[in-house]
C-alpha atoms as a PDB file:
ATOM      1  CA  UNK A   1       3.440 -72.879 -41.692  1.00  0.00           C
ATOM      2  CA  UNK A   2       4.278 -69.192 -41.998  1.00  0.00           C
ATOM      3  CA  UNK A   3       1.938 -67.000 -44.007  1.00  0.00           C
ATOM      4  CA  UNK A   4       3.233 -64.341 -46.389  1.00  0.00           C
ATOM      5  CA  UNK A   5       2.151 -60.725 -46.480  1.00  0.00           C
ATOM      6  CA  UNK A   6       3.565 -58.386 -49.101  1.00  0.00           C
ATOM      7  CA  UNK A   7       0.997 -55.591 -49.252  1.00  0.00           C
ATOM      8  CA  UNK A   8       1.238 -52.433 -47.132  1.00  0.00           C
ATOM      9  CA  UNK A   9      -2.561 -52.159 -47.285  1.00  0.00           C
ATOM     10  CA  UNK A  10      -3.021 -55.446 -45.426  1.00  0.00           C
ATOM     11  CA  UNK A  11      -5.076 -54.759 -42.233  1.00  0.00           C
ATOM     12  CA  UNK A  12      -2.555 -56.563 -40.032  1.00  0.00           C
ATOM     13  CA  UNK A  13       0.314 -54.428 -41.348  1.00  0.00           C
ATOM     14  CA  UNK A  14      -1.768 -51.315 -40.676  1.00  0.00           C
ATOM     15  CA  UNK A  15      -2.395 -52.497 -37.094  1.00  0.00           C
ATOM     16  CA  UNK A  16       1.303 -53.116 -36.516  1.00  0.00           C
ATOM     17  CA  UNK A  17       2.194 -49.682 -37.874  1.00  0.00           C
ATOM     18  CA  UNK A  18      -0.302 -48.151 -35.434  1.00  0.00           C
ATOM     19  CA  UNK A  19       1.655 -49.560 -32.469  1.00  0.00           C
ATOM     20  CA  UNK A  20       4.001 -46.580 -32.696  1.00  0.00           C
ATOM     21  CA  UNK A  21       1.108 -44.503 -31.360  1.00  0.00           C
ATOM     22  CA  UNK A  22      -0.300 -44.733 -27.837  1.00  0.00           C
ATOM     23  CA  UNK A  23      -3.845 -44.955 -29.225  1.00  0.00           C
ATOM     24  CA  UNK A  24      -2.914 -47.936 -31.390  1.00  0.00           C
ATOM     25  CA  UNK A  25      -1.312 -49.718 -28.448  1.00  0.00           C
ATOM     26  CA  UNK A  26      -4.304 -48.982 -26.216  1.00  0.00           C
ATOM     27  CA  UNK A  27      -6.813 -50.289 -28.768  1.00  0.00           C
ATOM     28  CA  UNK A  28      -4.920 -53.483 -29.586  1.00  0.00           C
ATOM     29  CA  UNK A  29      -3.270 -54.205 -26.218  1.00  0.00           C
ATOM     30  CA  UNK A  30      -0.069 -54.970 -28.136  1.00  0.00           C
ATOM     31  CA  UNK A  31       3.414 -53.477 -28.388  1.00  0.00           C
ATOM     32  CA  UNK A  32       6.376 -53.939 -30.718  1.00  0.00           C
ATOM     33  CA  UNK A  33       9.717 -55.492 -29.855  1.00  0.00           C
ATOM     34  CA  UNK A  34      12.334 -55.434 -32.599  1.00  0.00           C
ATOM     35  CA  UNK A  35      15.087 -57.927 -33.246  1.00  0.00           C
ATOM     36  CA  UNK A  36      15.720 -61.653 -33.019  1.00  0.00           C
ATOM     37  CA  UNK A  37      17.774 -61.172 -29.855  1.00  0.00           C
ATOM     38  CA  UNK A  38      14.843 -59.657 -27.963  1.00  0.00           C
ATOM     39  CA  UNK A  39      12.484 -62.334 -29.258  1.00  0.00           C
ATOM     40  CA  UNK A  40      14.850 -65.096 -28.161  1.00  0.00           C
ATOM     41  CA  UNK A  41      15.376 -63.506 -24.728  1.00  0.00           C
ATOM     42  CA  UNK A  42      11.613 -63.266 -24.298  1.00  0.00           C
ATOM     43  CA  UNK A  43      11.218 -66.894 -25.382  1.00  0.00           C
ATOM     44  CA  UNK A  44      13.785 -67.930 -22.757  1.00  0.00           C
ATOM     45  CA  UNK A  45      11.415 -66.367 -20.218  1.00  0.00           C
ATOM     46  CA  UNK A  46       8.499 -68.215 -21.845  1.00  0.00           C
ATOM     47  CA  UNK A  47       7.072 -64.967 -23.202  1.00  0.00           C
ATOM     48  CA  UNK A  48       5.846 -65.404 -26.760  1.00  0.00           C
ATOM     49  CA  UNK A  49       4.474 -62.828 -29.187  1.00  0.00           C
ATOM     50  CA  UNK A  50       0.999 -62.787 -30.597  1.00  0.00           C
ATOM     51  CA  UNK A  51       2.521 -62.087 -34.020  1.00  0.00           C
ATOM     52  CA  UNK A  52       6.057 -62.804 -35.217  1.00  0.00           C
ATOM     53  CA  UNK A  53       7.234 -61.254 -38.485  1.00  0.00           C
ATOM     54  CA  UNK A  54      10.451 -62.033 -40.293  1.00  0.00           C
ATOM     55  CA  UNK A  55      12.124 -61.443 -43.626  1.00  0.00           C
ATOM     56  CA  UNK A  56      13.669 -64.108 -45.840  1.00  0.00           C
ATOM     57  CA  UNK A  57      17.123 -62.907 -44.771  1.00  0.00           C
ATOM     58  CA  UNK A  58      16.388 -63.936 -41.176  1.00  0.00           C
ATOM     59  CA  UNK A  59      16.119 -67.570 -42.214  1.00  0.00           C
ATOM     60  CA  UNK A  60      19.864 -67.678 -42.902  1.00  0.00           C
ATOM     61  CA  UNK A  61      20.436 -67.906 -39.120  1.00  0.00           C
ATOM     62  CA  UNK A  62      19.763 -71.237 -37.460  1.00  0.00           C
ATOM     63  CA  UNK A  63      18.708 -69.727 -34.071  1.00  0.00           C
ATOM     64  CA  UNK A  64      16.039 -67.687 -35.886  1.00  0.00           C
ATOM     65  CA  UNK A  65      14.765 -70.738 -37.728  1.00  0.00           C
ATOM     66  CA  UNK A  66      14.549 -72.547 -34.384  1.00  0.00           C
ATOM     67  CA  UNK A  67      12.679 -69.589 -32.882  1.00  0.00           C
ATOM     68  CA  UNK A  68      10.191 -69.554 -35.758  1.00  0.00           C
ATOM     69  CA  UNK A  69       9.634 -73.314 -35.555  1.00  0.00           C
ATOM     70  CA  UNK A  70       8.965 -73.129 -31.812  1.00  0.00           C
ATOM     71  CA  UNK A  71       6.673 -70.118 -32.250  1.00  0.00           C
ATOM     72  CA  UNK A  72       4.609 -72.048 -34.778  1.00  0.00           C
ATOM     73  CA  UNK A  73       4.303 -74.959 -32.335  1.00  0.00           C
ATOM     74  CA  UNK A  74       2.957 -72.497 -29.772  1.00  0.00           C
ATOM     75  CA  UNK A  75       0.376 -71.220 -32.261  1.00  0.00           C
ATOM     76  CA  UNK A  76       1.992 -67.817 -32.649  1.00  0.00           C
ATOM     77  CA  UNK A  77       0.850 -66.094 -35.836  1.00  0.00           C
ATOM     78  CA  UNK A  78       4.077 -66.322 -37.868  1.00  0.00           C
ATOM     79  CA  UNK A  79       4.375 -64.168 -40.980  1.00  0.00           C
ATOM     80  CA  UNK A  80       7.068 -63.809 -43.608  1.00  0.00           C
ATOM     81  CA  UNK A  81       7.192 -60.355 -45.138  1.00  0.00           C
ATOM     82  CA  UNK A  82       9.536 -58.029 -46.996  1.00  0.00           C
ATOM     83  CA  UNK A  83      12.233 -55.831 -45.511  1.00  0.00           C
ATOM     84  CA  UNK A  84      10.360 -52.888 -47.031  1.00  0.00           C
ATOM     85  CA  UNK A  85       7.311 -53.625 -44.879  1.00  0.00           C
ATOM     86  CA  UNK A  86       9.477 -54.302 -41.832  1.00  0.00           C
ATOM     87  CA  UNK A  87      11.010 -50.862 -42.356  1.00  0.00           C
ATOM     88  CA  UNK A  88       7.547 -49.305 -42.505  1.00  0.00           C
ATOM     89  CA  UNK A  89       6.476 -51.103 -39.327  1.00  0.00           C
ATOM     90  CA  UNK A  90       9.621 -50.198 -37.383  1.00  0.00           C
ATOM     91  CA  UNK A  91       9.972 -46.754 -39.000  1.00  0.00           C
ATOM     92  CA  UNK A  92      13.672 -47.432 -39.573  1.00  0.00           C
ATOM     93  CA  UNK A  93      15.626 -47.411 -42.814  1.00  0.00           C
ATOM     94  CA  UNK A  94      17.594 -50.487 -41.751  1.00  0.00           C
ATOM     95  CA  UNK A  95      15.051 -52.576 -39.857  1.00  0.00           C
ATOM     96  CA  UNK A  96      15.631 -55.690 -37.834  1.00  0.00           C
ATOM     97  CA  UNK A  97      14.814 -58.870 -39.743  1.00  0.00           C
ATOM     98  CA  UNK A  98      12.551 -60.070 -36.916  1.00  0.00           C
ATOM     99  CA  UNK A  99       9.779 -58.080 -35.197  1.00  0.00           C
ATOM    100  CA  UNK A 100       7.353 -59.350 -32.566  1.00  0.00           C
ATOM    101  CA  UNK A 101       4.038 -57.928 -31.401  1.00  0.00           C
ATOM    102  CA  UNK A 102       3.478 -58.820 -27.751  1.00  0.00           C
ATOM    103  CA  UNK A 103       0.628 -58.498 -25.264  1.00  0.00           C
ATOM    104  CA  UNK A 104       1.038 -55.696 -22.741  1.00  0.00           C
ATOM    105  CA  UNK A 105       1.286 -57.121 -19.243  1.00  0.00           C
ATOM    106  CA  UNK A 106       1.479 -55.360 -15.867  1.00  0.00           C
ATOM    107  CA  UNK A 107       2.098 -56.952 -12.499  1.00  0.00           C
ATOM    108  CA  UNK A 108       0.182 -56.129  -9.341  1.00  0.00           C
ATOM    109  CA  UNK A 109       2.030 -54.069  -6.773  1.00  0.00           C
ATOM    110  CA  UNK A 110       1.629 -56.895  -4.250  1.00  0.00           C
ATOM    111  CA  UNK A 111       3.215 -59.278  -6.744  1.00  0.00           C
ATOM    112  CA  UNK A 112       6.529 -57.400  -6.712  1.00  0.00           C
ATOM    113  CA  UNK A 113       9.076 -58.845  -4.307  1.00  0.00           C
ATOM    114  CA  UNK A 114      12.824 -58.604  -3.787  1.00  0.00           C
ATOM    115  CA  UNK A 115      15.224 -56.626  -1.639  1.00  0.00           C
ATOM    116  CA  UNK A 116      15.059 -53.505  -3.800  1.00  0.00           C
ATOM    117  CA  UNK A 117      12.118 -52.004  -5.679  1.00  0.00           C
ATOM    118  CA  UNK A 118      12.276 -48.900  -7.885  1.00  0.00           C
ATOM    119  CA  UNK A 119       9.407 -46.386  -7.807  1.00  0.00           C
ATOM    120  CA  UNK A 120       9.278 -43.640 -10.435  1.00  0.00           C
ATOM    121  CA  UNK A 121       7.054 -40.610  -9.984  1.00  0.00           C
ATOM    122  CA  UNK A 122       5.840 -39.059 -13.222  1.00  0.00           C
ATOM    123  CA  UNK A 123       8.717 -40.213 -15.445  1.00  0.00           C
ATOM    124  CA  UNK A 124       8.300 -38.500 -18.815  1.00  0.00           C
ATOM    125  CA  UNK A 125      11.120 -39.750 -21.034  1.00  0.00           C
ATOM    126  CA  UNK A 126      10.624 -43.271 -22.476  1.00  0.00           C
ATOM    127  CA  UNK A 127      14.365 -43.584 -23.051  1.00  0.00           C
ATOM    128  CA  UNK A 128      14.969 -42.986 -19.342  1.00  0.00           C
ATOM    129  CA  UNK A 129      12.273 -45.470 -18.390  1.00  0.00           C
ATOM    130  CA  UNK A 130      13.674 -48.170 -20.663  1.00  0.00           C
ATOM    131  CA  UNK A 131      17.207 -47.593 -19.357  1.00  0.00           C
ATOM    132  CA  UNK A 132      15.974 -47.795 -15.754  1.00  0.00           C
ATOM    133  CA  UNK A 133      14.263 -51.115 -16.501  1.00  0.00           C
ATOM    134  CA  UNK A 134      17.564 -52.367 -17.885  1.00  0.00           C
ATOM    135  CA  UNK A 135      19.534 -51.258 -14.814  1.00  0.00           C
ATOM    136  CA  UNK A 136      16.900 -52.639 -12.436  1.00  0.00           C
ATOM    137  CA  UNK A 137      17.221 -55.967 -14.236  1.00  0.00           C
ATOM    138  CA  UNK A 138      21.039 -55.812 -14.127  1.00  0.00           C
ATOM    139  CA  UNK A 139      21.112 -55.219 -10.366  1.00  0.00           C
ATOM    140  CA  UNK A 140      18.496 -57.826  -9.515  1.00  0.00           C
ATOM    141  CA  UNK A 141      15.761 -55.439  -8.408  1.00  0.00           C
ATOM    142  CA  UNK A 142      12.366 -56.965  -7.711  1.00  0.00           C
ATOM    143  CA  UNK A 143      10.487 -54.631 -10.020  1.00  0.00           C
ATOM    144  CA  UNK A 144       9.624 -51.102 -11.116  1.00  0.00           C
ATOM    145  CA  UNK A 145       6.526 -49.188 -10.017  1.00  0.00           C
ATOM    146  CA  UNK A 146       5.141 -46.242 -11.993  1.00  0.00           C
ATOM    147  CA  UNK A 147       3.524 -43.601  -9.792  1.00  0.00           C
ATOM    148  CA  UNK A 148       1.121 -41.031 -11.229  1.00  0.00           C
ATOM    149  CA  UNK A 149       1.138 -39.962 -14.862  1.00  0.00           C
ATOM    150  CA  UNK A 150       4.092 -41.396 -16.749  1.00  0.00           C
ATOM    151  CA  UNK A 151       5.204 -42.152 -20.272  1.00  0.00           C
ATOM    152  CA  UNK A 152       4.121 -45.447 -21.796  1.00  0.00           C
ATOM    153  CA  UNK A 153       6.510 -48.298 -20.896  1.00  0.00           C
ATOM    154  CA  UNK A 154       5.295 -50.150 -23.993  1.00  0.00           C
ATOM    155  CA  UNK A 155       6.240 -47.400 -26.435  1.00  0.00           C
ATOM    156  CA  UNK A 156       8.763 -48.378 -29.089  1.00  0.00           C
ATOM    157  CA  UNK A 157      11.342 -45.999 -27.548  1.00  0.00           C
ATOM    158  CA  UNK A 158      11.014 -47.473 -24.043  1.00  0.00           C
ATOM    159  CA  UNK A 159      11.135 -51.053 -25.309  1.00  0.00           C
ATOM    160  CA  UNK A 160      14.237 -50.320 -27.376  1.00  0.00           C
ATOM    161  CA  UNK A 161      16.007 -48.665 -24.441  1.00  0.00           C
ATOM    162  CA  UNK A 162      15.183 -51.573 -22.124  1.00  0.00           C
ATOM    163  CA  UNK A 163      17.120 -53.951 -24.411  1.00  0.00           C
ATOM    164  CA  UNK A 164      14.803 -56.827 -23.505  1.00  0.00           C
ATOM    165  CA  UNK A 165      14.644 -56.138 -19.762  1.00  0.00           C
ATOM    166  CA  UNK A 166      10.977 -55.196 -20.116  1.00  0.00           C
ATOM    167  CA  UNK A 167      10.323 -58.941 -20.451  1.00  0.00           C
ATOM    168  CA  UNK A 168      12.381 -59.795 -17.361  1.00  0.00           C
ATOM    169  CA  UNK A 169      11.220 -57.096 -14.928  1.00  0.00           C
ATOM    170  CA  UNK A 170       7.926 -56.924 -13.076  1.00  0.00           C
ATOM    171  CA  UNK A 171       6.294 -53.601 -13.854  1.00  0.00           C
ATOM    172  CA  UNK A 172       3.304 -52.137 -12.015  1.00  0.00           C
ATOM    173  CA  UNK A 173       1.291 -48.926 -11.818  1.00  0.00           C
ATOM    174  CA  UNK A 174       0.108 -47.580  -8.457  1.00  0.00           C
ATOM    175  CA  UNK A 175      -0.904 -44.443  -6.612  1.00  0.00           C
ATOM    176  CA  UNK A 176       1.494 -43.028  -4.053  1.00  0.00           C
ATOM    177  CA  UNK A 177      -0.894 -43.964  -1.232  1.00  0.00           C
ATOM    178  CA  UNK A 178      -0.801 -47.565  -2.459  1.00  0.00           C
ATOM    179  CA  UNK A 179       3.006 -47.437  -2.527  1.00  0.00           C
ATOM    180  CA  UNK A 180       3.119 -46.194   1.081  1.00  0.00           C
ATOM    181  CA  UNK A 181       0.826 -49.025   2.212  1.00  0.00           C
ATOM    182  CA  UNK A 182       2.991 -51.492   0.274  1.00  0.00           C
ATOM    183  CA  UNK A 183       6.119 -50.096   1.980  1.00  0.00           C
ATOM    184  CA  UNK A 184       4.606 -50.491   5.442  1.00  0.00           C
ATOM    185  CA  UNK A 185       3.340 -53.999   4.741  1.00  0.00           C
ATOM    186  CA  UNK A 186       6.808 -55.099   3.611  1.00  0.00           C
ATOM    187  CA  UNK A 187       8.692 -53.275   6.350  1.00  0.00           C
ATOM    188  CA  UNK A 188      10.755 -51.548   3.697  1.00  0.00           C
ATOM    189  CA  UNK A 189      12.772 -48.341   3.958  1.00  0.00           C
ATOM    190  CA  UNK A 190      11.841 -45.761   1.328  1.00  0.00           C
ATOM    191  CA  UNK A 191      14.804 -43.755   0.063  1.00  0.00           C
ATOM    192  CA  UNK A 192      14.015 -40.655  -1.977  1.00  0.00           C
ATOM    193  CA  UNK A 193      16.541 -38.805  -4.101  1.00  0.00           C
ATOM    194  CA  UNK A 194      16.364 -35.132  -3.175  1.00  0.00           C
ATOM    195  CA  UNK A 195      18.432 -31.968  -3.008  1.00  0.00           C
ATOM    196  CA  UNK A 196      17.264 -31.748   0.608  1.00  0.00           C
ATOM    197  CA  UNK A 197      19.031 -35.009   1.476  1.00  0.00           C
ATOM    198  CA  UNK A 198      22.599 -35.879   2.320  1.00  0.00           C
ATOM    199  CA  UNK A 199      25.184 -38.265   0.946  1.00  0.00           C
ATOM    200  CA  UNK A 200      24.954 -41.814   2.237  1.00  0.00           C
ATOM    201  CA  UNK A 201      27.670 -42.933   4.634  1.00  0.00           C
ATOM    202  CA  UNK A 202      29.911 -45.198   2.505  1.00  0.00           C
ATOM    203  CA  UNK A 203      30.010 -47.799   5.262  1.00  0.00           C
ATOM    204  CA  UNK A 204      26.289 -47.842   6.017  1.00  0.00           C
ATOM    205  CA  UNK A 205      24.791 -51.274   5.283  1.00  0.00           C
ATOM    206  CA  UNK A 206      21.853 -51.551   2.896  1.00  0.00           C
ATOM    207  CA  UNK A 207      18.408 -51.906   4.483  1.00  0.00           C
ATOM    208  CA  UNK A 208      16.877 -55.376   4.385  1.00  0.00           C
ATOM    209  CA  UNK A 209      14.230 -54.107   1.990  1.00  0.00           C
ATOM    210  CA  UNK A 210      14.430 -50.807   0.155  1.00  0.00           C
ATOM    211  CA  UNK A 211      12.226 -48.750  -2.143  1.00  0.00           C
ATOM    212  CA  UNK A 212      14.211 -46.290  -4.257  1.00  0.00           C
ATOM    213  CA  UNK A 213      11.860 -43.393  -5.024  1.00  0.00           C
ATOM    214  CA  UNK A 214      12.804 -41.108  -7.919  1.00  0.00           C
ATOM    215  CA  UNK A 215      11.068 -37.920  -9.040  1.00  0.00           C
ATOM    216  CA  UNK A 216      10.514 -36.846 -12.627  1.00  0.00           C
ATOM    217  CA  UNK A 217      13.153 -35.304 -14.841  1.00  0.00           C
ATOM    218  CA  UNK A 218      12.109 -31.667 -14.415  1.00  0.00           C
ATOM    219  CA  UNK A 219      10.854 -31.097 -10.877  1.00  0.00           C
ATOM    220  CA  UNK A 220      12.023 -34.012  -8.754  1.00  0.00           C
ATOM    221  CA  UNK A 221       9.872 -35.331  -5.911  1.00  0.00           C
ATOM    222  CA  UNK A 222       6.871 -33.393  -4.596  1.00  0.00           C
ATOM    223  CA  UNK A 223       7.082 -32.223  -0.965  1.00  0.00           C
ATOM    224  CA  UNK A 224       4.500 -34.729   0.297  1.00  0.00           C
ATOM    225  CA  UNK A 225       6.429 -37.643  -1.216  1.00  0.00           C
ATOM    226  CA  UNK A 226       9.683 -36.431   0.315  1.00  0.00           C
ATOM    227  CA  UNK A 227       7.945 -36.184   3.681  1.00  0.00           C
ATOM    228  CA  UNK A 228       6.806 -39.805   3.419  1.00  0.00           C
ATOM    229  CA  UNK A 229      10.364 -41.072   2.821  1.00  0.00           C
ATOM    230  CA  UNK A 230      12.372 -42.676   5.604  1.00  0.00           C
ATOM    231  CA  UNK A 231      15.561 -41.224   4.151  1.00  0.00           C
ATOM    232  CA  UNK A 232      16.395 -38.487   1.646  1.00  0.00           C
ATOM    233  CA  UNK A 233      19.577 -38.981  -0.348  1.00  0.00           C
ATOM    234  CA  UNK A 234      21.584 -36.433  -2.295  1.00  0.00           C
ATOM    235  CA  UNK A 235      24.200 -37.621  -4.752  1.00  0.00           C
ATOM    236  CA  UNK A 236      27.495 -35.787  -4.166  1.00  0.00           C
ATOM    237  CA  UNK A 237      28.794 -33.635  -7.019  1.00  0.00           C
ATOM    238  CA  UNK A 238      32.397 -32.634  -7.614  1.00  0.00           C
ATOM    239  CA  UNK A 239      32.547 -30.880 -10.981  1.00  0.00           C
ATOM    240  CA  UNK A 240      30.489 -28.057 -12.423  1.00  0.00           C
ATOM    241  CA  UNK A 241      27.438 -30.232 -13.185  1.00  0.00           C
ATOM    242  CA  UNK A 242      24.734 -29.915 -10.542  1.00  0.00           C
ATOM    243  CA  UNK A 243      22.492 -32.804 -11.593  1.00  0.00           C
ATOM    244  CA  UNK A 244      22.413 -36.166 -13.364  1.00  0.00           C
ATOM    245  CA  UNK A 245      20.125 -37.662 -15.961  1.00  0.00           C
ATOM    246  CA  UNK A 246      17.285 -39.587 -14.251  1.00  0.00           C
ATOM    247  CA  UNK A 247      18.357 -42.966 -15.617  1.00  0.00           C
ATOM    248  CA  UNK A 248      21.969 -42.427 -14.526  1.00  0.00           C
ATOM    249  CA  UNK A 249      20.977 -41.168 -11.073  1.00  0.00           C
ATOM    250  CA  UNK A 250      18.749 -44.219 -10.590  1.00  0.00           C
ATOM    251  CA  UNK A 251      21.609 -46.473 -11.725  1.00  0.00           C
ATOM    252  CA  UNK A 252      23.958 -44.913  -9.161  1.00  0.00           C
ATOM    253  CA  UNK A 253      21.417 -45.545  -6.398  1.00  0.00           C
ATOM    254  CA  UNK A 254      20.762 -49.147  -7.428  1.00  0.00           C
ATOM    255  CA  UNK A 255      24.403 -50.084  -7.825  1.00  0.00           C
ATOM    256  CA  UNK A 256      25.308 -48.416  -4.529  1.00  0.00           C
ATOM    257  CA  UNK A 257      22.647 -50.437  -2.702  1.00  0.00           C
ATOM    258  CA  UNK A 258      23.799 -53.602  -4.423  1.00  0.00           C
ATOM    259  CA  UNK A 259      27.427 -52.830  -3.485  1.00  0.00           C
ATOM    260  CA  UNK A 260      26.366 -52.578   0.155  1.00  0.00           C
ATOM    261  CA  UNK A 261      24.989 -56.109  -0.184  1.00  0.00           C
ATOM    262  CA  UNK A 262      28.316 -57.359  -1.509  1.00  0.00           C
ATOM    263  CA  UNK A 263      27.010 -57.671  -5.084  1.00  0.00           C
ATOM    264  CA  UNK A 264      25.064 -60.690  -3.915  1.00  0.00           C
ATOM    265  CA  UNK A 265      24.144 -63.016  -6.780  1.00  0.00           C
ATOM    266  CA  UNK A 266      26.501 -61.440  -9.328  1.00  0.00           C
ATOM    267  CA  UNK A 267      27.497 -63.715 -12.199  1.00  0.00           C
ATOM    268  CA  UNK A 268      31.114 -64.885 -12.109  1.00  0.00           C
END
């Protein structure tokens, strides 16, 4: 049976509001995911929130009622609240009618498998990180590895940009030395995007296992990381622009590798 909370001073509401800040997420171990669609996608992956909030308007949709019923069976803390409080929690004027608070979970580096793995060095923009998670998911990558200091993948901005792919992708943190050992153990080829590289031969087949290494938005890859790569790649440019947004550049790399594998596994 869902509980009702209508007061903004309720301690639980205060905790949920704090999840917009890194400190609040660190103290609680939780993060916010907004919208019934994300909650249902997570449930399909058997990922359930610790807390599920909804407004009365959400109950007009049968899939949401089914989601709430199943969440209650799984002992999720289910709470009906007002759209005003949902707006305060999400910090949006027109909030989603369903918001979940989920446990933060990271994979081990050794637990990431698959033909292609994405490694991001010092990514700063949560929107870029979320978009990269979405593209990695779309192309069937095995996972995403965060190297060094990076933005928080569980921030509201990153979760929004991932469009639910945060629940589907394995995500790990590692040092660069750990990544190099992982590469050698898997027999993978590490491909770094760099202005020092060259365009890939269009007919060159994809390596059996690849690690796509991307530098941060401002400075690219450090020299020592470039030196550790098996191959440096430079994306060709035709117009006046001399660079691409990090998320777009990563997407180009991932889709090009997948193309070289004949779009293996693509849905019809």
